[in-house]
Amino acid sequence: MTQVESLDDLTRALKPVTALLTSVLRQDDGQLSATQAARLGGEVKKALAELAPEAPVTPPAKPAAPGASEPAKPTTPGNSTKPVWPAKPAKPMKPTKPLVPAPVTGPGGTTVPRLWTSPALSLPGGSVAYDRNPIDLERAAVADLQEKVNTLLKAATSGDRAQVAPAVRGVLTGTVNVVTAGLVGGGLPKASLPGLPPLQPSAGAPRPS
């Protein structure tokens, strides 16, 4: 199910991208109205955000209030009460180990983890994870595609037809990057059709079995 969901996520995310490309290419001058561009661009942005959500940002700790760290002043002479000094700071807690999601049993009894905590892994079915964390790799591909989509939207509303063709090619390349990142990082089996070239991992990453 994890592998099937990975394919479904890719399909749903890339459908708005192909709709944008089709709308631009069907125009003789490659231009869209501002309303069309806003609608199509918004659908792409929403779909890509669902495919690879951005990593949560931890807000910085608030500074301590002025005077909070100052020690308490001792009592005046003649007072029987002993001086009160601030307590010693507590020892820092040891960091806990990250939680590892429970594996899901896939076809043939193989186990397919939903998320990987190690950057370089041999995956079920002979697929390959690059030497980058697969989640980070997919986020990088999605961010790159979103940037290329923004360039296309700008070209398609600029009134300059010459800007459209290179922007379309950029979106196509970015789309292939997203698909490839999803294939190598989604735990999917490697292609088995004779004659298909293998996906080559980057230097230092395990090769397909």
Foldseek 3Di string as FASTA:
>chain_A
DLLVVLVVLLVQLCPLVVVLLVVQVVDPLSADDPVVLVVSLVSNVVSLCVSAPDDDDDDDDDDDDPPPPPWADADDPPDPDGGHGDDDDDDDDDDDDDDFDDWDQDPPRDTAGNADPQQADQFPQQAGGANGRLSVQLVVLSVQLSVLSVQQSCCNHVSHSVSNVVSSVSNVVSSVSNVVSSRRNSRDHWDDDPPDDGDDHDPPHDHGD
